[in-house]
């Protein structure tokens, strides 16, 4: 099953909440298993919209009309968005415009010992 992310659509929020800065970190729930074993179904990821997207980083991207959690990989012709379980080939992207944020933390099972930080 492809990995998706669950969030409250922004248009359902009151206008006062939509007015906050887009650069604030936010949380999403992982749905699916294509990013296992790093991200499992039900994990909560913290996204930094202004995070540095580098080769190997886990990113929130918008491509093919959908939001996705993928690993960013450098290719000769640019960049690609890849799943970890090999269920689909990497999706080539010409530049980093599709990347909307970088995963900075993963929380699993509501316990601190299952928290992993990706940046310091």
Protein backbone atom coordinates (compact mmCIF):
# COMPACT_ATOMS: atom_id res chain seq x y z
CA UNK A 1 0.00 0.00 0.00
CA UNK A 2 1.34 3.42 -0.94
CA UNK A 3 2.20 5.76 1.92
CA UNK A 4 -0.11 8.72 2.32
CA UNK A 5 -0.36 11.42 4.98
CA UNK A 6 -3.41 12.33 7.02
CA UNK A 7 -4.06 15.96 7.88
CA UNK A 8 -6.93 18.39 8.38
CA UNK A 9 -7.53 20.18 5.06
CA UNK A 10 -6.53 23.81 5.54
CA UNK A 11 -9.76 25.14 4.00
CA UNK A 12 -11.71 23.64 6.95
CA UNK A 13 -9.81 25.76 9.47
CA UNK A 14 -11.07 29.19 10.58
CA UNK A 15 -9.45 32.05 8.64
CA UNK A 16 -7.62 33.20 11.80
CA UNK A 17 -5.77 29.84 11.92
CA UNK A 18 -4.96 29.88 8.20
CA UNK A 19 -3.29 33.27 8.61
CA UNK A 20 -0.37 31.88 10.62
CA UNK A 21 3.05 31.67 9.04
CA UNK A 22 3.54 28.84 6.55
CA UNK A 23 7.03 28.35 7.95
CA UNK A 24 5.83 26.78 11.22
CA UNK A 25 6.47 23.04 11.71
CA UNK A 26 3.38 20.82 11.62
CA UNK A 27 2.50 17.18 12.24
CA UNK A 28 1.03 14.55 9.90
CA UNK A 29 0.08 10.91 10.36
CA UNK A 30 1.56 8.30 8.02
CA UNK A 31 -0.98 6.05 6.30
CA UNK A 32 0.34 3.01 4.43
CA UNK A 33 3.54 1.02 4.34
CA UNK A 34 5.60 2.02 1.30
CA UNK A 35 8.07 3.95 3.48
CA UNK A 36 8.68 1.04 5.89
CA UNK A 37 10.77 0.27 7.80
CA UNK A 38 11.66 3.93 8.49
CA UNK A 39 8.02 5.08 8.68
CA UNK A 40 5.23 2.70 9.66
CA UNK A 41 1.48 3.08 9.34
CA UNK A 42 0.31 5.32 12.20
CA UNK A 43 3.62 7.10 12.80
CA UNK A 44 3.45 10.84 13.36
CA UNK A 45 5.98 12.93 11.43
CA UNK A 46 6.93 16.54 12.13
CA UNK A 47 7.48 18.56 8.94
CA UNK A 48 9.66 21.68 8.73
CA UNK A 49 8.45 23.69 5.71
CA UNK A 50 11.70 25.66 5.50
CA UNK A 51 13.91 22.63 6.13
CA UNK A 52 16.96 21.96 3.98
CA UNK A 53 16.11 19.34 1.34
CA UNK A 54 19.26 17.30 0.74
CA UNK A 55 20.07 13.96 -0.87
CA UNK A 56 18.67 11.23 1.36
CA UNK A 57 16.31 13.51 3.32
CA UNK A 58 12.74 12.40 3.97
CA UNK A 59 10.41 14.99 2.51
CA UNK A 60 6.79 16.00 2.10
CA UNK A 61 6.24 16.51 -1.62
CA UNK A 62 3.36 17.41 -3.92
CA UNK A 63 3.62 15.60 -7.26
CA UNK A 64 1.18 13.94 -9.66
CA UNK A 65 -1.61 15.84 -7.92
CA UNK A 66 -1.08 14.18 -4.54
CA UNK A 67 0.80 14.73 -1.28
CA UNK A 68 3.41 12.12 -0.45
CA UNK A 69 6.10 11.19 2.01
CA UNK A 70 9.24 10.12 0.12
CA UNK A 71 13.01 9.98 0.32
CA UNK A 72 14.71 12.60 -1.83
CA UNK A 73 17.46 11.18 -4.03
CA UNK A 74 19.91 12.97 -6.31
CA UNK A 75 20.03 11.69 -9.89
CA UNK A 76 22.16 12.69 -12.87
CA UNK A 77 19.29 14.62 -14.44
CA UNK A 78 18.02 16.21 -11.21
CA UNK A 79 16.11 14.67 -8.34
CA UNK A 80 13.74 11.79 -7.63
CA UNK A 81 11.21 10.91 -4.95
CA UNK A 82 11.59 7.30 -3.81
CA UNK A 83 9.67 4.84 -1.64
CA UNK A 84 11.70 2.59 0.64
CA UNK A 85 9.94 -0.73 0.06
CA UNK A 86 10.57 -0.83 -3.70
CA UNK A 87 6.85 -1.04 -4.52
CA UNK A 88 7.17 1.68 -7.16
CA UNK A 89 10.03 3.20 -9.12
CA UNK A 90 11.50 6.56 -8.07
CA UNK A 91 9.50 9.50 -9.41
CA UNK A 92 11.81 11.90 -11.29
CA UNK A 93 11.35 15.60 -10.55
CA UNK A 94 13.27 18.28 -12.41
CA UNK A 95 13.91 20.51 -9.41
CA UNK A 96 12.98 20.86 -5.76
CA UNK A 97 9.76 22.82 -6.40
CA UNK A 98 7.69 19.72 -5.53
CA UNK A 99 9.29 19.52 -2.07
CA UNK A 100 7.14 21.33 0.48
CA UNK A 101 8.93 20.37 3.68
CA UNK A 102 11.47 18.12 5.35
CA UNK A 103 10.77 15.51 8.04
CA UNK A 104 12.57 16.56 11.20
CA UNK A 105 11.09 14.04 13.63
CA UNK A 106 9.17 10.76 13.75
CA UNK A 107 7.08 9.62 16.71
CA UNK A 108 5.91 6.04 17.01
CA UNK A 109 3.48 4.55 19.47
CA UNK A 110 3.25 7.54 21.80
CA UNK A 111 6.46 6.66 23.65
CA UNK A 112 9.54 8.85 23.82
CA UNK A 113 11.94 5.99 23.18
CA UNK A 114 10.37 5.53 19.76
CA UNK A 115 11.00 9.15 18.77
CA UNK A 116 13.66 9.75 16.14
CA UNK A 117 15.02 13.18 15.21
CA UNK A 118 16.42 13.78 11.71
CA UNK A 119 18.07 17.16 12.35
CA UNK A 120 19.71 18.67 15.40
